[in-house]
Amino acid sequence: LGNTAPAARLAIGPVSLGVTTPGDGYTI
């Protein structure tokens, strides 16, 4: 879901996000 290269039965969110600083990320 929003992931074009799932590495598990269900992968949610982008493959690479680059969460390196507070505030970066996404929410399910």
PDB file of all heavy atoms in Angstrom:
ATOM      1  N   LEU A   1       0.865  -1.175   0.000  1.00  0.00           N
ATOM      2  CA  LEU A   1       0.000   0.000   0.000  1.00  0.00           C
ATOM      3  C   LEU A   1       0.903   1.227   0.000  1.00  0.00           C
ATOM      4  O   LEU A   1       1.535   1.533   0.999  1.00  0.00           O
ATOM      5  CB  LEU A   1      -0.913   0.004   1.237  1.00  0.00           C
ATOM      6  CG  LEU A   1      -1.777  -1.244   1.453  1.00  0.00           C
ATOM      7  CD1 LEU A   1      -2.624  -1.093   2.699  1.00  0.00           C
ATOM      8  CD2 LEU A   1      -2.658  -1.500   0.245  1.00  0.00           C
ATOM      9  N   GLY A   2       0.987   1.894  -1.146  1.00  0.00           N
ATOM     10  CA  GLY A   2       1.921   2.996  -1.273  1.00  0.00           C
ATOM     11  C   GLY A   2       3.360   2.517  -1.301  1.00  0.00           C
ATOM     12  O   GLY A   2       4.279   3.289  -1.050  1.00  0.00           O
ATOM     13  N   ASN A   3       3.573   1.243  -1.603  1.00  0.00           N
ATOM     14  CA  ASN A   3       4.903   0.646  -1.613  1.00  0.00           C
ATOM     15  C   ASN A   3       5.005  -0.243  -2.842  1.00  0.00           C
ATOM     16  O   ASN A   3       4.307  -1.247  -2.945  1.00  0.00           O
ATOM     17  CB  ASN A   3       5.112  -0.166  -0.325  1.00  0.00           C
ATOM     18  CG  ASN A   3       6.523  -0.712  -0.204  1.00  0.00           C
ATOM     19  OD1 ASN A   3       7.129  -1.130  -1.180  1.00  0.00           O
ATOM     20  ND2 ASN A   3       7.036  -0.715   1.009  1.00  0.00           N
ATOM     21  N   THR A   4       5.861   0.125  -3.786  1.00  0.00           N
ATOM     22  CA  THR A   4       5.951  -0.608  -5.047  1.00  0.00           C
ATOM     23  C   THR A   4       6.959  -1.743  -5.013  1.00  0.00           C
ATOM     24  O   THR A   4       7.181  -2.395  -6.027  1.00  0.00           O
ATOM     25  CB  THR A   4       6.321   0.361  -6.187  1.00  0.00           C
ATOM     26  OG1 THR A   4       7.559   1.013  -5.864  1.00  0.00           O
ATOM     27  CG2 THR A   4       5.235   1.401  -6.392  1.00  0.00           C
ATOM     28  N   ALA A   5       7.576  -1.991  -3.871  1.00  0.00           N
ATOM     29  CA  ALA A   5       8.513  -3.106  -3.738  1.00  0.00           C
ATOM     30  C   ALA A   5       8.328  -3.770  -2.379  1.00  0.00           C
ATOM     31  O   ALA A   5       9.218  -3.735  -1.535  1.00  0.00           O
ATOM     32  CB  ALA A   5       9.949  -2.631  -3.917  1.00  0.00           C
ATOM     33  N   PRO A   6       7.145  -4.359  -2.112  1.00  0.00           N
ATOM     34  CA  PRO A   6       6.886  -4.938  -0.791  1.00  0.00           C
ATOM     35  C   PRO A   6       7.824  -6.103  -0.494  1.00  0.00           C
ATOM     36  O   PRO A   6       8.000  -6.995  -1.313  1.00  0.00           O
ATOM     37  CB  PRO A   6       5.426  -5.405  -0.890  1.00  0.00           C
ATOM     38  CG  PRO A   6       5.192  -5.607  -2.356  1.00  0.00           C
ATOM     39  CD  PRO A   6       6.018  -4.565  -3.040  1.00  0.00           C
ATOM     40  N   ALA A   7       8.429  -6.094   0.697  1.00  0.00           N
ATOM     41  CA  ALA A   7       9.326  -7.161   1.118  1.00  0.00           C
ATOM     42  C   ALA A   7       8.661  -8.059   2.146  1.00  0.00           C
ATOM     43  O   ALA A   7       9.327  -8.868   2.789  1.00  0.00           O
ATOM     44  CB  ALA A   7      10.611  -6.568   1.694  1.00  0.00           C
ATOM     45  N   ALA A   8       7.351  -7.901   2.338  1.00  0.00           N
ATOM     46  CA  ALA A   8       6.589  -8.712   3.277  1.00  0.00           C
ATOM     47  C   ALA A   8       5.202  -8.925   2.703  1.00  0.00           C
ATOM     48  O   ALA A   8       4.850  -8.341   1.675  1.00  0.00           O
ATOM     49  CB  ALA A   8       6.516  -8.023   4.643  1.00  0.00           C
ATOM     50  N   ARG A   9       4.419  -9.780   3.360  1.00  0.00           N
ATOM     51  CA  ARG A   9       3.072 -10.051   2.849  1.00  0.00           C
ATOM     52  C   ARG A   9       2.250  -8.782   2.729  1.00  0.00           C
ATOM     53  O   ARG A   9       1.437  -8.641   1.825  1.00  0.00           O
ATOM     54  CB  ARG A   9       2.366 -11.048   3.769  1.00  0.00           C
ATOM     55  CG  ARG A   9       2.916 -12.454   3.675  1.00  0.00           C
ATOM     56  CD  ARG A   9       2.746 -13.029   2.289  1.00  0.00           C
ATOM     57  NE  ARG A   9       3.290 -14.377   2.176  1.00  0.00           N
ATOM     58  CZ  ARG A   9       3.379 -15.047   1.046  1.00  0.00           C
ATOM     59  NH1 ARG A   9       2.979 -14.489  -0.085  1.00  0.00           N
ATOM     60  NH2 ARG A   9       3.884 -16.261   1.016  1.00  0.00           N
ATOM     61  N   LEU A  10       2.450  -7.847   3.653  1.00  0.00           N
ATOM     62  CA  LEU A  10       1.786  -6.547   3.574  1.00  0.00           C
ATOM     63  C   LEU A  10       2.790  -5.479   3.966  1.00  0.00           C
ATOM     64  O   LEU A  10       3.291  -5.473   5.093  1.00  0.00           O
ATOM     65  CB  LEU A  10       0.569  -6.484   4.510  1.00  0.00           C
ATOM     66  CG  LEU A  10      -0.145  -5.129   4.586  1.00  0.00           C
ATOM     67  CD1 LEU A  10      -0.691  -4.728   3.212  1.00  0.00           C
ATOM     68  CD2 LEU A  10      -1.263  -5.163   5.606  1.00  0.00           C
ATOM     69  N   ALA A  11       3.110  -4.598   3.047  1.00  0.00           N
ATOM     70  CA  ALA A  11       4.048  -3.502   3.302  1.00  0.00           C
ATOM     71  C   ALA A  11       3.320  -2.189   3.077  1.00  0.00           C
ATOM     72  O   ALA A  11       2.728  -1.981   2.025  1.00  0.00           O
ATOM     73  CB  ALA A  11       5.266  -3.605   2.384  1.00  0.00           C
ATOM     74  N   ILE A  12       3.340  -1.325   4.077  1.00  0.00           N
ATOM     75  CA  ILE A  12       2.620  -0.064   4.009  1.00  0.00           C
ATOM     76  C   ILE A  12       3.622   1.079   4.033  1.00  0.00           C
ATOM     77  O   ILE A  12       4.516   1.117   4.873  1.00  0.00           O
ATOM     78  CB  ILE A  12       1.633   0.079   5.176  1.00  0.00           C
ATOM     79  CG1 ILE A  12       0.654  -1.100   5.182  1.00  0.00           C
ATOM     80  CG2 ILE A  12       0.880   1.398   5.104  1.00  0.00           C
ATOM     81  CD1 ILE A  12      -0.302  -1.105   6.353  1.00  0.00           C
ATOM     82  N   GLY A  13       3.460   2.011   3.121  1.00  0.00           N
ATOM     83  CA  GLY A  13       4.342   3.165   3.078  1.00  0.00           C
ATOM     84  C   GLY A  13       5.448   2.990   2.059  1.00  0.00           C
ATOM     85  O   GLY A  13       5.665   1.909   1.519  1.00  0.00           O
ATOM     86  N   PRO A  14       6.155   4.054   1.764  1.00  0.00           N
ATOM     87  CA  PRO A  14       7.194   4.025   0.738  1.00  0.00           C
ATOM     88  C   PRO A  14       8.349   3.117   1.113  1.00  0.00           C
ATOM     89  O   PRO A  14       8.585   2.826   2.280  1.00  0.00           O
ATOM     90  CB  PRO A  14       7.638   5.489   0.642  1.00  0.00           C
ATOM     91  CG  PRO A  14       7.267   6.074   1.956  1.00  0.00           C
ATOM     92  CD  PRO A  14       6.011   5.383   2.371  1.00  0.00           C
ATOM     93  N   VAL A  15       9.079   2.668   0.087  1.00  0.00           N
ATOM     94  CA  VAL A  15      10.224   1.788   0.307  1.00  0.00           C
ATOM     95  C   VAL A  15      11.307   2.508   1.092  1.00  0.00           C
ATOM     96  O   VAL A  15      11.898   1.989   2.015  1.00  0.00           O
ATOM     97  CB  VAL A  15      10.774   1.296  -1.041  1.00  0.00           C
ATOM     98  CG1 VAL A  15      12.005   0.426  -0.820  1.00  0.00           C
ATOM     99  CG2 VAL A  15       9.706   0.534  -1.800  1.00  0.00           C
ATOM    100  N   SER A  16      11.593   3.738   0.718  1.00  0.00           N
ATOM    101  CA  SER A  16      12.633   4.511   1.385  1.00  0.00           C
ATOM    102  C   SER A  16      12.085   5.881   1.717  1.00  0.00           C
ATOM    103  O   SER A  16      11.523   6.559   0.873  1.00  0.00           O
ATOM    104  CB  SER A  16      13.865   4.658   0.487  1.00  0.00           C
ATOM    105  OG  SER A  16      14.842   5.465   1.097  1.00  0.00           O
ATOM    106  N   LEU A  17      12.230   6.289   2.975  1.00  0.00           N
ATOM    107  CA  LEU A  17      11.653   7.555   3.408  1.00  0.00           C
ATOM    108  C   LEU A  17      12.701   8.559   3.849  1.00  0.00           C
ATOM    109  O   LEU A  17      12.507   9.755   3.748  1.00  0.00           O
ATOM    110  CB  LEU A  17      10.660   7.304   4.545  1.00  0.00           C
ATOM    111  CG  LEU A  17       9.781   8.485   4.955  1.00  0.00           C
ATOM    112  CD1 LEU A  17       8.907   8.926   3.801  1.00  0.00           C
ATOM    113  CD2 LEU A  17       8.909   8.097   6.125  1.00  0.00           C
ATOM    114  N   GLY A  18      13.840   8.078   4.336  1.00  0.00           N
ATOM    115  CA  GLY A  18      14.871   9.006   4.788  1.00  0.00           C
ATOM    116  C   GLY A  18      14.478   9.730   6.060  1.00  0.00           C
ATOM    117  O   GLY A  18      14.568  10.950   6.137  1.00  0.00           O
ATOM    118  N   VAL A  19      14.020   8.989   7.064  1.00  0.00           N
ATOM    119  CA  VAL A  19      13.618   9.607   8.325  1.00  0.00           C
ATOM    120  C   VAL A  19      14.862   9.866   9.166  1.00  0.00           C
ATOM    121  O   VAL A  19      15.335   9.003   9.880  1.00  0.00           O
ATOM    122  CB  VAL A  19      12.600   8.723   9.077  1.00  0.00           C
ATOM    123  CG1 VAL A  19      11.251   8.810   8.449  1.00  0.00           C
ATOM    124  CG2 VAL A  19      13.048   7.268   9.104  1.00  0.00           C
ATOM    125  N   THR A  20      15.415  11.028   9.048  1.00  0.00           N
ATOM    126  CA  THR A  20      16.681  11.347   9.712  1.00  0.00           C
ATOM    127  C   THR A  20      16.555  12.450  10.737  1.00  0.00           C
ATOM    128  O   THR A  20      17.465  12.647  11.544  1.00  0.00           O
ATOM    129  CB  THR A  20      17.728  11.761   8.668  1.00  0.00           C
ATOM    130  OG1 THR A  20      17.218  12.877   7.912  1.00  0.00           O
ATOM    131  CG2 THR A  20      18.027  10.603   7.720  1.00  0.00           C
ATOM    132  N   THR A  21      15.476  13.186  10.753  1.00  0.00           N
ATOM    133  CA  THR A  21      15.306  14.267  11.718  1.00  0.00           C
ATOM    134  C   THR A  21      13.908  14.200  12.312  1.00  0.00           C
ATOM    135  O   THR A  21      12.984  13.707  11.668  1.00  0.00           O
ATOM    136  CB  THR A  21      15.506  15.655  11.060  1.00  0.00           C
ATOM    137  OG1 THR A  21      14.553  15.804   9.993  1.00  0.00           O
ATOM    138  CG2 THR A  21      16.910  15.779  10.498  1.00  0.00           C
ATOM    139  N   PRO A  22      13.720  14.699  13.553  1.00  0.00           N
ATOM    140  CA  PRO A  22      12.389  14.693  14.162  1.00  0.00           C
ATOM    141  C   PRO A  22      11.362  15.381  13.281  1.00  0.00           C
ATOM    142  O   PRO A  22      11.619  16.432  12.701  1.00  0.00           O
ATOM    143  CB  PRO A  22      12.608  15.449  15.475  1.00  0.00           C
ATOM    144  CG  PRO A  22      14.047  15.234  15.787  1.00  0.00           C
ATOM    145  CD  PRO A  22      14.752  15.221  14.459  1.00  0.00           C
ATOM    146  N   GLY A  23      10.202  14.754  13.149  1.00  0.00           N
ATOM    147  CA  GLY A  23       9.143  15.311  12.317  1.00  0.00           C
ATOM    148  C   GLY A  23       9.038  14.634  10.978  1.00  0.00           C
ATOM    149  O   GLY A  23       7.987  14.667  10.337  1.00  0.00           O
ATOM    150  N   ASP A  24      10.134  14.003  10.506  1.00  0.00           N
ATOM    151  CA  ASP A  24      10.062  13.259   9.256  1.00  0.00           C
ATOM    152  C   ASP A  24       9.213  12.020   9.452  1.00  0.00           C
ATOM    153  O   ASP A  24       9.237  11.396  10.502  1.00  0.00           O
ATOM    154  CB  ASP A  24      11.464  12.824   8.804  1.00  0.00           C
ATOM    155  CG  ASP A  24      12.298  13.991   8.308  1.00  0.00           C
ATOM    156  OD1 ASP A  24      11.711  15.064   8.107  1.00  0.00           O
ATOM    157  OD2 ASP A  24      13.514  13.813   8.144  1.00  0.00           O
ATOM    158  N   GLY A  25       8.485  11.616   8.422  1.00  0.00           N
ATOM    159  CA  GLY A  25       7.759  10.364   8.519  1.00  0.00           C
ATOM    160  C   GLY A  25       6.384  10.439   7.904  1.00  0.00           C
ATOM    161  O   GLY A  25       6.026  11.410   7.241  1.00  0.00           O
ATOM    162  N   TYR A  26       5.635   9.378   8.097  1.00  0.00           N
ATOM    163  CA  TYR A  26       4.263   9.324   7.620  1.00  0.00           C
ATOM    164  C   TYR A  26       3.446   8.522   8.608  1.00  0.00           C
ATOM    165  O   TYR A  26       3.994   7.812   9.440  1.00  0.00           O
ATOM    166  CB  TYR A  26       4.192   8.711   6.213  1.00  0.00           C
ATOM    167  CG  TYR A  26       4.683   7.279   6.148  1.00  0.00           C
ATOM    168  CD1 TYR A  26       3.802   6.221   6.273  1.00  0.00           C
ATOM    169  CD2 TYR A  26       6.029   7.004   5.971  1.00  0.00           C
ATOM    170  CE1 TYR A  26       4.240   4.921   6.226  1.00  0.00           C
ATOM    171  CE2 TYR A  26       6.484   5.699   5.915  1.00  0.00           C
ATOM    172  CZ  TYR A  26       5.586   4.664   6.033  1.00  0.00           C
ATOM    173  OH  TYR A  26       6.031   3.368   5.985  1.00  0.00           O
ATOM    174  N   THR A  27       2.140   8.620   8.512  1.00  0.00           N
ATOM    175  CA  THR A  27       1.257   8.036   9.513  1.00  0.00           C
ATOM    176  C   THR A  27       0.300   7.041   8.880  1.00  0.00           C
ATOM    177  O   THR A  27      -0.242   7.280   7.808  1.00  0.00           O
ATOM    178  CB  THR A  27       0.452   9.143  10.216  1.00  0.00           C
ATOM    179  OG1 THR A  27       1.357  10.019  10.875  1.00  0.00           O
ATOM    180  CG2 THR A  27      -0.498   8.544  11.244  1.00  0.00           C
ATOM    181  N   ILE A  28       0.110   5.924   9.568  1.00  0.00           N
ATOM    182  CA  ILE A  28      -0.929   4.964   9.225  1.00  0.00           C
ATOM    183  C   ILE A  28      -1.985   5.088  10.309  1.00  0.00           C
ATOM    184  O   ILE A  28      -1.730   4.757  11.469  1.00  0.00           O
ATOM    185  CB  ILE A  28      -0.373   3.532   9.181  1.00  0.00           C
ATOM    186  CG1 ILE A  28       0.802   3.449   8.202  1.00  0.00           C
ATOM    187  CG2 ILE A  28      -1.473   2.538   8.802  1.00  0.00           C
ATOM    188  CD1 ILE A  28       1.626   2.198   8.372  1.00  0.00           C
TER     189      ILE A  28
END
